[in-house]
Amino acid sequence: MGNVHFNLNNSAHLGGMAPPPVPGGGFGNALLPGAMFGMAGTYIIVNSNSNNRYIGIANDIGTRFNTRLATITETGFLPAEMARIGVTWGTTTCQNTPPVFGVAPAPVIAVPAPPAAFNALIDGAAVNLERLLIRFVITQLGAGGTVSNNAMAVAPYANPTANPITVRLTWGAMGGLYMAGFHQAVWNVGMFNAW
């Protein structure tokens, strides 16, 4: 059985991304959560107001989130509103199915390089990790709500390998909005078992 671990153990709420208003009609400084800059990986944004999620990848998560600062300021979000939106981010590891006899292969960190698809070879087959995480959140997490990744959220995704894959998602507390935790499920082979 292969393995995929979305280890999104960094987390914060996004209250700092909305600059506080200051006297005279201006705004203070907007700040990104710490440790985002320079990190390639996967992230999940969770809006606790609407129970919506957005799953993304970036070759630099800090740069990706920095592009959103102007939109937040221009649309007038308040820090208290943004503090109800959490983000959890980190790395993804993949592991091939161990041989019947012998040593299990070491896990490999998969690094996204957008705009290319976030694929990893598992047991010789290309697995789209971003699509897998989106479908995992929709079909396996049991959190309800919506996922606003329209392009990859709708169609079921079948395991393209010849073996089942254990998929694990670990998340942080998102600035106290949720409890840190994990969820794990086995992605079996075949269209009947598609997520």
N, C-alpha and C. Protein backbone atom coordinates (compact mmCIF):
# COMPACT_ATOMS: atom_id res chain seq x y z
N MET A 1 0.84 -1.18 0.00
CA MET A 1 0.00 0.00 0.00
C MET A 1 0.89 1.24 0.00
N GLY A 2 0.63 2.15 -0.95
CA GLY A 2 1.37 3.41 -0.98
C GLY A 2 0.84 4.37 0.07
N ASN A 3 1.54 5.48 0.24
CA ASN A 3 1.15 6.47 1.24
C ASN A 3 1.29 7.88 0.69
N VAL A 4 0.34 8.74 1.05
CA VAL A 4 0.44 10.18 0.81
C VAL A 4 0.10 10.85 2.13
N HIS A 5 0.99 11.74 2.58
CA HIS A 5 0.73 12.48 3.82
C HIS A 5 0.78 13.97 3.52
N PHE A 6 -0.38 14.62 3.62
CA PHE A 6 -0.46 16.07 3.53
C PHE A 6 -0.22 16.59 4.94
N ASN A 7 1.02 16.94 5.23
CA ASN A 7 1.42 17.33 6.59
C ASN A 7 1.36 18.85 6.71
N LEU A 8 0.14 19.37 6.88
CA LEU A 8 -0.09 20.81 6.91
C LEU A 8 -0.11 21.29 8.37
N ASN A 9 1.03 21.16 9.02
CA ASN A 9 1.10 21.41 10.46
C ASN A 9 1.38 22.87 10.83
N ASN A 10 1.65 23.73 9.86
CA ASN A 10 1.76 25.17 10.13
C ASN A 10 0.37 25.77 10.00
N SER A 11 0.02 26.70 10.87
CA SER A 11 -1.33 27.26 10.75
C SER A 11 -1.44 28.60 11.47
N ALA A 12 -2.47 29.34 11.10
CA ALA A 12 -2.75 30.64 11.71
C ALA A 12 -4.13 31.08 11.26
N HIS A 13 -4.68 32.10 11.92
CA HIS A 13 -5.85 32.75 11.35
C HIS A 13 -5.33 33.93 10.52
N LEU A 14 -6.18 34.51 9.70
CA LEU A 14 -5.75 35.53 8.75
C LEU A 14 -6.11 36.95 9.17
N GLY A 15 -6.34 37.16 10.47
CA GLY A 15 -6.71 38.48 10.96
C GLY A 15 -5.70 39.57 10.63
N GLY A 16 -4.43 39.23 10.60
CA GLY A 16 -3.40 40.21 10.29
C GLY A 16 -3.37 40.65 8.84
N MET A 17 -4.03 39.90 7.96
CA MET A 17 -4.03 40.27 6.55
C MET A 17 -4.94 41.45 6.26
N ALA A 18 -5.86 41.77 7.18
CA ALA A 18 -6.71 42.95 7.02
C ALA A 18 -6.07 44.08 7.83
N PRO A 19 -5.64 45.14 7.17
CA PRO A 19 -4.99 46.22 7.92
C PRO A 19 -6.00 46.94 8.81
N PRO A 20 -5.62 47.24 10.04
CA PRO A 20 -6.54 47.94 10.93
C PRO A 20 -6.75 49.39 10.47
N PRO A 21 -7.99 49.88 10.57
CA PRO A 21 -8.21 51.29 10.22
C PRO A 21 -7.54 52.20 11.24
N VAL A 22 -7.05 53.33 10.77
CA VAL A 22 -6.42 54.32 11.65
C VAL A 22 -7.14 55.65 11.49
N PRO A 23 -7.05 56.52 12.48
CA PRO A 23 -7.72 57.83 12.38
C PRO A 23 -7.31 58.56 11.10
N GLY A 24 -8.26 59.27 10.55
CA GLY A 24 -8.01 60.03 9.33
C GLY A 24 -8.35 59.28 8.07
N GLY A 25 -8.90 58.06 8.19
CA GLY A 25 -9.35 57.32 7.02
C GLY A 25 -8.32 56.40 6.39
N GLY A 26 -7.18 56.24 7.00
CA GLY A 26 -6.16 55.36 6.43
C GLY A 26 -6.18 53.97 7.06
N PHE A 27 -5.15 53.23 6.75
CA PHE A 27 -5.02 51.88 7.27
C PHE A 27 -3.63 51.68 7.84
N GLY A 28 -3.54 50.78 8.82
CA GLY A 28 -2.25 50.36 9.35
C GLY A 28 -1.63 49.32 8.43
N ASN A 29 -0.70 48.55 8.97
CA ASN A 29 0.00 47.55 8.17
C ASN A 29 -0.73 46.21 8.18
N ALA A 30 -0.74 45.58 7.03
CA ALA A 30 -1.26 44.21 6.91
C ALA A 30 -0.08 43.26 7.01
N LEU A 31 -0.29 42.13 7.66
CA LEU A 31 0.79 41.17 7.87
C LEU A 31 0.34 39.76 7.52
N LEU A 32 1.24 39.02 6.91
CA LEU A 32 0.98 37.60 6.66
C LEU A 32 1.36 36.78 7.88
N PRO A 33 0.75 35.61 8.04
CA PRO A 33 1.19 34.72 9.10
C PRO A 33 2.68 34.39 8.94
N GLY A 34 3.38 34.23 10.04
CA GLY A 34 4.80 33.92 9.99
C GLY A 34 5.09 32.58 9.34
N ALA A 35 6.28 32.41 8.87
CA ALA A 35 6.82 31.16 8.31
C ALA A 35 6.24 30.78 6.95
N MET A 36 5.48 31.67 6.32
CA MET A 36 4.95 31.35 4.99
C MET A 36 5.98 31.60 3.90
N PHE A 37 6.73 32.68 4.00
CA PHE A 37 7.63 33.06 2.91
C PHE A 37 8.72 32.03 2.70
N GLY A 38 8.94 31.72 1.44
CA GLY A 38 10.01 30.81 1.07
C GLY A 38 9.63 29.34 1.13
N MET A 39 8.43 29.03 1.56
CA MET A 39 8.03 27.63 1.70
C MET A 39 7.19 27.19 0.51
N ALA A 40 7.65 26.17 -0.18
CA ALA A 40 6.84 25.54 -1.23
C ALA A 40 5.97 24.49 -0.57
N GLY A 41 4.71 24.42 -0.99
CA GLY A 41 3.86 23.40 -0.39
C GLY A 41 2.40 23.54 -0.73
N THR A 42 1.59 22.99 0.15
CA THR A 42 0.15 22.90 -0.01
C THR A 42 -0.51 23.66 1.13
N TYR A 43 -1.67 24.26 0.85
CA TYR A 43 -2.38 24.98 1.91
C TYR A 43 -3.87 24.76 1.78
N ILE A 44 -4.57 24.93 2.90
CA ILE A 44 -6.03 24.92 2.92
C ILE A 44 -6.48 26.16 3.67
N ILE A 45 -7.34 26.95 3.02
CA ILE A 45 -7.97 28.11 3.66
C ILE A 45 -9.35 27.66 4.10
N VAL A 46 -9.70 27.92 5.37
CA VAL A 46 -11.00 27.53 5.90
C VAL A 46 -11.70 28.78 6.43
N ASN A 47 -12.85 29.11 5.84
CA ASN A 47 -13.64 30.24 6.30
C ASN A 47 -14.68 29.71 7.29
N SER A 48 -14.48 30.00 8.57
CA SER A 48 -15.40 29.48 9.58
C SER A 48 -16.75 30.19 9.56
N ASN A 49 -16.84 31.34 8.89
CA ASN A 49 -18.13 32.03 8.74
C ASN A 49 -19.05 31.26 7.79
N SER A 50 -18.49 30.71 6.73
CA SER A 50 -19.30 30.06 5.70
C SER A 50 -19.05 28.56 5.56
N ASN A 51 -18.08 28.02 6.32
CA ASN A 51 -17.67 26.62 6.22
C ASN A 51 -17.24 26.28 4.80
N ASN A 52 -16.53 27.22 4.18
CA ASN A 52 -15.96 26.99 2.85
C ASN A 52 -14.46 26.75 2.97
N ARG A 53 -13.96 25.93 2.07
CA ARG A 53 -12.53 25.65 2.01
C ARG A 53 -12.00 25.94 0.61
N TYR A 54 -10.74 26.34 0.57
CA TYR A 54 -10.04 26.46 -0.70
C TYR A 54 -8.70 25.77 -0.52
N ILE A 55 -8.37 24.87 -1.43
CA ILE A 55 -7.13 24.11 -1.37
C ILE A 55 -6.23 24.59 -2.48
N GLY A 56 -4.97 24.86 -2.15
CA GLY A 56 -4.06 25.35 -3.17
C GLY A 56 -2.65 24.85 -2.99
N ILE A 57 -1.84 25.13 -4.00
CA ILE A 57 -0.41 24.80 -3.98
C ILE A 57 0.35 26.06 -4.37
N ALA A 58 1.59 26.14 -3.94
CA ALA A 58 2.42 27.29 -4.30
C ALA A 58 3.88 26.91 -4.20
N ASN A 59 4.69 27.50 -5.09
CA ASN A 59 6.13 27.30 -4.95
C ASN A 59 6.70 28.23 -3.88
N ASP A 60 5.92 29.23 -3.45
CA ASP A 60 6.24 30.07 -2.29
C ASP A 60 4.91 30.52 -1.70
N ILE A 61 4.51 29.89 -0.62
CA ILE A 61 3.19 30.16 -0.04
C ILE A 61 3.07 31.62 0.39
N GLY A 62 4.14 32.20 0.95
CA GLY A 62 4.10 33.60 1.36
C GLY A 62 3.85 34.53 0.19
N THR A 63 4.53 34.30 -0.92
CA THR A 63 4.32 35.13 -2.11
C THR A 63 2.89 34.98 -2.62
N ARG A 64 2.38 33.76 -2.60
CA ARG A 64 1.00 33.52 -3.05
C ARG A 64 0.01 34.30 -2.20
N PHE A 65 0.17 34.28 -0.88
CA PHE A 65 -0.74 35.00 0.00
C PHE A 65 -0.52 36.50 -0.06
N ASN A 66 0.69 36.93 -0.31
CA ASN A 66 0.99 38.36 -0.41
C ASN A 66 0.19 39.01 -1.54
N THR A 67 -0.08 38.24 -2.61
CA THR A 67 -0.86 38.79 -3.73
C THR A 67 -2.31 39.07 -3.33
N ARG A 68 -2.76 38.54 -2.22
CA ARG A 68 -4.15 38.72 -1.79
C ARG A 68 -4.32 39.93 -0.86
N LEU A 69 -3.24 40.51 -0.37
CA LEU A 69 -3.34 41.61 0.60
C LEU A 69 -4.09 42.81 0.04
N ALA A 70 -3.79 43.21 -1.18
CA ALA A 70 -4.45 44.39 -1.75
C ALA A 70 -5.96 44.16 -1.88
N THR A 71 -6.35 42.97 -2.29
CA THR A 71 -7.78 42.67 -2.45
C THR A 71 -8.51 42.78 -1.11
N ILE A 72 -7.89 42.28 -0.07
CA ILE A 72 -8.52 42.35 1.26
C ILE A 72 -8.68 43.80 1.70
N THR A 73 -7.66 44.62 1.48
CA THR A 73 -7.75 46.04 1.83
C THR A 73 -8.79 46.75 0.98
N GLU A 74 -8.76 46.51 -0.33
CA GLU A 74 -9.66 47.21 -1.25
C GLU A 74 -11.12 46.85 -1.04
N THR A 75 -11.40 45.65 -0.57
CA THR A 75 -12.79 45.26 -0.35
C THR A 75 -13.27 45.58 1.06
N GLY A 76 -12.39 46.10 1.90
CA GLY A 76 -12.79 46.60 3.21
C GLY A 76 -13.01 45.56 4.29
N PHE A 77 -12.37 44.41 4.17
CA PHE A 77 -12.49 43.42 5.24
C PHE A 77 -11.87 43.96 6.53
N LEU A 78 -12.53 43.71 7.63
CA LEU A 78 -12.01 44.11 8.94
C LEU A 78 -11.16 42.99 9.52
N PRO A 79 -10.19 43.33 10.38
CA PRO A 79 -9.38 42.29 11.01
C PRO A 79 -10.21 41.21 11.71
N ALA A 80 -11.30 41.61 12.37
CA ALA A 80 -12.14 40.63 13.07
C ALA A 80 -12.79 39.64 12.09
N GLU A 81 -13.15 40.12 10.90
CA GLU A 81 -13.72 39.22 9.89
C GLU A 81 -12.67 38.24 9.39
N MET A 82 -11.48 38.75 9.11
CA MET A 82 -10.40 37.89 8.61
C MET A 82 -9.91 36.92 9.67
N ALA A 83 -10.05 37.28 10.94
CA ALA A 83 -9.62 36.38 12.01
C ALA A 83 -10.50 35.14 12.11
N ARG A 84 -11.64 35.14 11.43
CA ARG A 84 -12.52 33.97 11.38
C ARG A 84 -12.17 33.05 10.21
N ILE A 85 -11.11 33.41 9.49
CA ILE A 85 -10.64 32.59 8.37
C ILE A 85 -9.27 32.04 8.76
N GLY A 86 -9.14 30.74 8.69
CA GLY A 86 -7.89 30.09 9.06
C GLY A 86 -7.18 29.52 7.85
N VAL A 87 -5.90 29.29 8.02
CA VAL A 87 -5.12 28.63 6.97
C VAL A 87 -4.18 27.64 7.65
N THR A 88 -4.02 26.51 7.01
CA THR A 88 -3.06 25.51 7.47
C THR A 88 -2.23 25.11 6.26
N TRP A 89 -0.92 25.00 6.43
CA TRP A 89 -0.05 24.76 5.29
C TRP A 89 1.15 23.91 5.69
N GLY A 90 1.76 23.31 4.68
CA GLY A 90 2.93 22.48 4.93
C GLY A 90 3.34 21.71 3.69
N THR A 91 3.96 20.57 3.93
CA THR A 91 4.53 19.77 2.85
C THR A 91 3.73 18.49 2.65
N THR A 92 4.02 17.83 1.54
CA THR A 92 3.37 16.58 1.20
C THR A 92 4.44 15.53 0.94
N THR A 93 4.28 14.37 1.56
CA THR A 93 5.21 13.27 1.29
C THR A 93 4.45 12.12 0.64
N CYS A 94 5.17 11.39 -0.20
CA CYS A 94 4.61 10.24 -0.91
C CYS A 94 5.54 9.05 -0.71
N GLN A 95 4.95 7.87 -0.76
CA GLN A 95 5.74 6.65 -0.58
C GLN A 95 5.14 5.54 -1.44
N ASN A 96 6.01 4.84 -2.15
CA ASN A 96 5.56 3.70 -2.95
C ASN A 96 5.17 2.54 -2.04
N THR A 97 4.43 1.60 -2.62
CA THR A 97 4.05 0.38 -1.90
C THR A 97 5.31 -0.42 -1.59
N PRO A 98 5.48 -0.84 -0.33
CA PRO A 98 6.67 -1.63 0.01
C PRO A 98 6.64 -2.98 -0.71
N PRO A 99 7.82 -3.51 -1.06
CA PRO A 99 7.85 -4.84 -1.67
C PRO A 99 7.44 -5.90 -0.64
N VAL A 100 6.99 -7.04 -1.14
CA VAL A 100 6.58 -8.13 -0.24
C VAL A 100 7.75 -8.54 0.65
N PHE A 101 8.92 -8.64 0.06
CA PHE A 101 10.13 -8.95 0.82
C PHE A 101 11.10 -7.81 0.63
N GLY A 102 11.62 -7.30 1.69
CA GLY A 102 12.59 -6.22 1.56
C GLY A 102 12.19 -5.00 2.38
N VAL A 103 12.93 -3.96 2.16
CA VAL A 103 12.78 -2.73 2.94
C VAL A 103 11.79 -1.79 2.24
N ALA A 104 10.96 -1.17 3.04
CA ALA A 104 10.01 -0.19 2.50
C ALA A 104 10.77 1.01 1.95
N PRO A 105 10.34 1.54 0.81
CA PRO A 105 11.01 2.73 0.27
C PRO A 105 10.80 3.93 1.19
N ALA A 106 11.76 4.81 1.20
CA ALA A 106 11.66 6.02 2.03
C ALA A 106 10.62 6.97 1.44
N PRO A 107 9.89 7.69 2.29
CA PRO A 107 8.97 8.72 1.77
C PRO A 107 9.76 9.82 1.06
N VAL A 108 9.13 10.41 0.06
CA VAL A 108 9.74 11.48 -0.73
C VAL A 108 8.87 12.72 -0.60
N ILE A 109 9.49 13.88 -0.38
CA ILE A 109 8.73 15.13 -0.33
C ILE A 109 8.41 15.56 -1.76
N ALA A 110 7.13 15.78 -2.01
CA ALA A 110 6.67 16.26 -3.32
C ALA A 110 6.61 17.78 -3.26
N VAL A 111 7.25 18.44 -4.21
CA VAL A 111 7.32 19.90 -4.21
C VAL A 111 6.54 20.44 -5.40
N PRO A 112 5.51 21.26 -5.14
CA PRO A 112 4.74 21.82 -6.26
C PRO A 112 5.55 22.85 -7.03
N ALA A 113 5.26 22.95 -8.32
CA ALA A 113 5.89 23.95 -9.19
C ALA A 113 4.84 24.52 -10.13
N PRO A 114 3.86 25.28 -9.56
CA PRO A 114 2.81 25.83 -10.41
C PRO A 114 3.40 26.68 -11.53
N PRO A 115 2.79 26.76 -12.68
CA PRO A 115 1.44 26.31 -12.99
C PRO A 115 1.33 24.85 -13.38
N ALA A 116 2.43 24.10 -13.33
CA ALA A 116 2.36 22.67 -13.66
C ALA A 116 1.49 21.95 -12.64
N ALA A 117 0.87 20.86 -13.08
CA ALA A 117 0.07 20.04 -12.17
C ALA A 117 0.97 19.50 -11.06
N PHE A 118 0.42 19.36 -9.87
CA PHE A 118 1.16 18.87 -8.71
C PHE A 118 1.07 17.35 -8.69
N ASN A 119 1.90 16.72 -9.54
CA ASN A 119 1.89 15.27 -9.68
C ASN A 119 3.06 14.65 -8.96
N ALA A 120 2.85 13.41 -8.51
CA ALA A 120 3.93 12.60 -7.94
C ALA A 120 3.77 11.19 -8.48
N LEU A 121 4.90 10.53 -8.71
CA LEU A 121 4.85 9.14 -9.13
C LEU A 121 4.73 8.25 -7.90
N ILE A 122 3.67 7.48 -7.86
CA ILE A 122 3.48 6.50 -6.79
C ILE A 122 3.23 5.17 -7.48
N ASP A 123 4.06 4.21 -7.17
CA ASP A 123 3.97 2.89 -7.81
C ASP A 123 3.95 2.99 -9.33
N GLY A 124 4.70 3.95 -9.87
CA GLY A 124 4.85 4.10 -11.31
C GLY A 124 3.74 4.87 -12.01
N ALA A 125 2.75 5.35 -11.27
CA ALA A 125 1.65 6.10 -11.89
C ALA A 125 1.65 7.54 -11.37
N ALA A 126 1.28 8.47 -12.25
CA ALA A 126 1.20 9.88 -11.85
C ALA A 126 -0.08 10.11 -11.05
N VAL A 127 0.07 10.64 -9.85
CA VAL A 127 -1.06 10.97 -8.98
C VAL A 127 -1.08 12.49 -8.83
N ASN A 128 -2.20 13.11 -9.17
CA ASN A 128 -2.35 14.56 -9.03
C ASN A 128 -2.68 14.84 -7.56
N LEU A 129 -1.69 15.31 -6.82
CA LEU A 129 -1.84 15.48 -5.37
C LEU A 129 -2.81 16.59 -5.00
N GLU A 130 -2.85 17.66 -5.78
CA GLU A 130 -3.81 18.73 -5.48
C GLU A 130 -5.24 18.23 -5.66
N ARG A 131 -5.49 17.54 -6.75
CA ARG A 131 -6.83 16.99 -6.98
C ARG A 131 -7.17 15.95 -5.92
N LEU A 132 -6.20 15.13 -5.54
CA LEU A 132 -6.43 14.13 -4.50
C LEU A 132 -6.84 14.79 -3.19
N LEU A 133 -6.13 15.85 -2.79
CA LEU A 133 -6.47 16.52 -1.54
C LEU A 133 -7.86 17.16 -1.61
N ILE A 134 -8.19 17.78 -2.72
CA ILE A 134 -9.52 18.38 -2.88
C ILE A 134 -10.60 17.31 -2.73
N ARG A 135 -10.44 16.20 -3.43
CA ARG A 135 -11.44 15.13 -3.36
C ARG A 135 -11.46 14.46 -1.98
N PHE A 136 -10.30 14.36 -1.33
CA PHE A 136 -10.23 13.82 0.03
C PHE A 136 -11.04 14.70 0.99
N VAL A 137 -10.85 16.01 0.89
CA VAL A 137 -11.58 16.94 1.77
C VAL A 137 -13.09 16.83 1.51
N ILE A 138 -13.49 16.74 0.25
CA ILE A 138 -14.91 16.68 -0.08
C ILE A 138 -15.54 15.35 0.35
N THR A 139 -14.86 14.24 0.08
CA THR A 139 -15.51 12.93 0.26
C THR A 139 -15.14 12.19 1.53
N GLN A 140 -14.03 12.52 2.15
CA GLN A 140 -13.55 11.72 3.28
C GLN A 140 -13.50 12.46 4.61
N LEU A 141 -13.34 13.77 4.59
CA LEU A 141 -13.10 14.52 5.83
C LEU A 141 -14.34 14.61 6.71
N GLY A 142 -15.52 14.68 6.10
CA GLY A 142 -16.75 14.74 6.88
C GLY A 142 -17.01 16.08 7.53
N ALA A 143 -16.42 17.15 6.99
CA ALA A 143 -16.58 18.47 7.59
C ALA A 143 -17.74 19.25 6.99
N GLY A 144 -18.35 18.73 5.93
CA GLY A 144 -19.45 19.43 5.28
C GLY A 144 -18.97 20.71 4.62
N GLY A 145 -19.90 21.62 4.39
CA GLY A 145 -19.55 22.89 3.79
C GLY A 145 -19.27 22.77 2.31
N THR A 146 -18.55 23.75 1.80
CA THR A 146 -18.25 23.80 0.37
C THR A 146 -16.75 23.88 0.15
N VAL A 147 -16.35 23.55 -1.07
CA VAL A 147 -14.96 23.68 -1.50
C VAL A 147 -14.98 24.49 -2.78
N SER A 148 -14.30 25.63 -2.79
CA SER A 148 -14.41 26.54 -3.93
C SER A 148 -13.37 26.30 -5.01
N ASN A 149 -12.78 25.11 -5.07
CA ASN A 149 -11.91 24.72 -6.18
C ASN A 149 -12.77 24.08 -7.26
N ASN A 150 -13.48 24.89 -8.01
CA ASN A 150 -14.46 24.36 -8.95
C ASN A 150 -13.87 23.42 -9.99
N ALA A 151 -12.70 23.73 -10.50
CA ALA A 151 -12.14 22.94 -11.60
C ALA A 151 -11.87 21.49 -11.20
N MET A 152 -11.39 21.24 -9.99
CA MET A 152 -11.04 19.88 -9.60
C MET A 152 -11.97 19.29 -8.55
N ALA A 153 -12.99 20.03 -8.15
CA ALA A 153 -13.84 19.56 -7.07
C ALA A 153 -14.98 18.66 -7.53
N VAL A 154 -15.37 18.76 -8.78
CA VAL A 154 -16.61 18.13 -9.23
C VAL A 154 -16.45 16.66 -9.59
N ALA A 155 -15.51 16.35 -10.46
CA ALA A 155 -15.41 14.98 -10.98
C ALA A 155 -14.73 14.04 -9.99
N PRO A 156 -15.27 12.84 -9.81
CA PRO A 156 -14.60 11.85 -8.96
C PRO A 156 -13.20 11.55 -9.49
N TYR A 157 -12.32 11.17 -8.58
CA TYR A 157 -10.93 10.88 -8.94
C TYR A 157 -10.61 9.46 -8.50
N ALA A 158 -10.30 8.60 -9.48
CA ALA A 158 -9.97 7.21 -9.21
C ALA A 158 -8.47 7.06 -8.98
N ASN A 159 -8.11 6.20 -8.09
CA ASN A 159 -6.71 5.88 -7.82
C ASN A 159 -6.09 5.31 -9.10
N PRO A 160 -5.08 5.98 -9.68
CA PRO A 160 -4.51 5.52 -10.94
C PRO A 160 -3.45 4.43 -10.79
N THR A 161 -3.11 4.06 -9.56
CA THR A 161 -2.08 3.04 -9.35
C THR A 161 -2.73 1.66 -9.30
N ALA A 162 -1.89 0.65 -9.17
CA ALA A 162 -2.39 -0.73 -9.07
C ALA A 162 -2.60 -1.15 -7.62
N ASN A 163 -2.33 -0.24 -6.66
CA ASN A 163 -2.41 -0.58 -5.24
C ASN A 163 -3.19 0.47 -4.47
N PRO A 164 -3.82 0.08 -3.36
CA PRO A 164 -4.45 1.08 -2.49
C PRO A 164 -3.41 2.06 -1.96
N ILE A 165 -3.86 3.26 -1.62
CA ILE A 165 -2.99 4.29 -1.07
C ILE A 165 -3.62 4.80 0.23
N THR A 166 -2.84 4.82 1.30
CA THR A 166 -3.29 5.45 2.53
C THR A 166 -3.06 6.95 2.41
N VAL A 167 -4.11 7.73 2.59
CA VAL A 167 -4.03 9.19 2.48
C VAL A 167 -4.28 9.76 3.87
N ARG A 168 -3.37 10.62 4.31
CA ARG A 168 -3.48 11.22 5.64
C ARG A 168 -3.36 12.74 5.51
N LEU A 169 -4.25 13.44 6.17
CA LEU A 169 -4.20 14.90 6.25
C LEU A 169 -3.99 15.28 7.70
N THR A 170 -2.94 16.03 7.97
CA THR A 170 -2.67 16.58 9.30
C THR A 170 -2.82 18.09 9.19
N TRP A 171 -3.52 18.72 10.16
CA TRP A 171 -3.72 20.16 10.11
C TRP A 171 -3.45 20.78 11.47
N GLY A 172 -3.16 22.08 11.44
CA GLY A 172 -2.93 22.85 12.66
C GLY A 172 -4.21 23.49 13.15
N ALA A 173 -4.12 24.19 14.28
CA ALA A 173 -5.30 24.77 14.95
C ALA A 173 -5.80 26.06 14.31
N MET A 174 -5.10 26.58 13.34
CA MET A 174 -5.51 27.77 12.59
C MET A 174 -5.82 28.95 13.51
N GLY A 175 -4.88 29.25 14.38
CA GLY A 175 -5.03 30.40 15.26
C GLY A 175 -6.12 30.24 16.30
N GLY A 176 -6.42 29.00 16.68
CA GLY A 176 -7.43 28.74 17.69
C GLY A 176 -8.84 28.57 17.15
N LEU A 177 -9.01 28.61 15.83
CA LEU A 177 -10.35 28.42 15.26
C LEU A 177 -10.80 26.96 15.36
N TYR A 178 -9.86 26.05 15.29
CA TYR A 178 -10.15 24.62 15.31
C TYR A 178 -9.13 23.92 16.20
N MET A 179 -9.36 22.66 16.45
CA MET A 179 -8.36 21.85 17.13
C MET A 179 -7.44 21.24 16.08
N ALA A 180 -6.15 21.19 16.37
CA ALA A 180 -5.23 20.50 15.47
C ALA A 180 -5.62 19.03 15.44
N GLY A 181 -5.39 18.39 14.31
CA GLY A 181 -5.76 16.98 14.23
C GLY A 181 -5.32 16.35 12.93
N PHE A 182 -5.89 15.18 12.66
CA PHE A 182 -5.60 14.48 11.42
C PHE A 182 -6.78 13.60 11.05
N HIS A 183 -6.83 13.23 9.79
CA HIS A 183 -7.81 12.26 9.30
C HIS A 183 -7.10 11.41 8.26
N GLN A 184 -7.42 10.13 8.26
CA GLN A 184 -6.76 9.19 7.36
C GLN A 184 -7.80 8.27 6.74
N ALA A 185 -7.59 7.93 5.47
CA ALA A 185 -8.49 7.00 4.78
C ALA A 185 -7.69 6.24 3.73
N VAL A 186 -8.21 5.10 3.33
CA VAL A 186 -7.57 4.29 2.29
C VAL A 186 -8.29 4.54 0.98
N TRP A 187 -7.51 4.93 -0.03
CA TRP A 187 -8.02 5.19 -1.38
C TRP A 187 -7.81 3.91 -2.18
N ASN A 188 -8.86 3.14 -2.32
CA ASN A 188 -8.77 1.87 -3.02
C ASN A 188 -8.75 2.07 -4.54
N VAL A 189 -8.41 1.02 -5.24
CA VAL A 189 -8.24 1.05 -6.69
C VAL A 189 -9.58 0.89 -7.39
N GLY A 190 -9.73 1.52 -8.56
CA GLY A 190 -10.90 1.32 -9.41
C GLY A 190 -11.90 2.45 -9.33
N MET A 191 -12.67 2.63 -10.41
CA MET A 191 -13.67 3.70 -10.49
C MET A 191 -14.75 3.56 -9.42
N PHE A 192 -15.06 2.34 -9.02
CA PHE A 192 -16.07 2.14 -7.98
C PHE A 192 -15.62 2.76 -6.66
N ASN A 193 -14.31 2.85 -6.46
CA ASN A 193 -13.75 3.40 -5.22
C ASN A 193 -13.26 4.83 -5.39
N ALA A 194 -13.63 5.49 -6.48
CA ALA A 194 -13.16 6.85 -6.73
C ALA A 194 -13.69 7.80 -5.66
N TRP A 195 -12.88 8.78 -5.34
CA TRP A 195 -13.28 9.83 -4.39
C TRP A 195 -13.76 11.03 -5.16
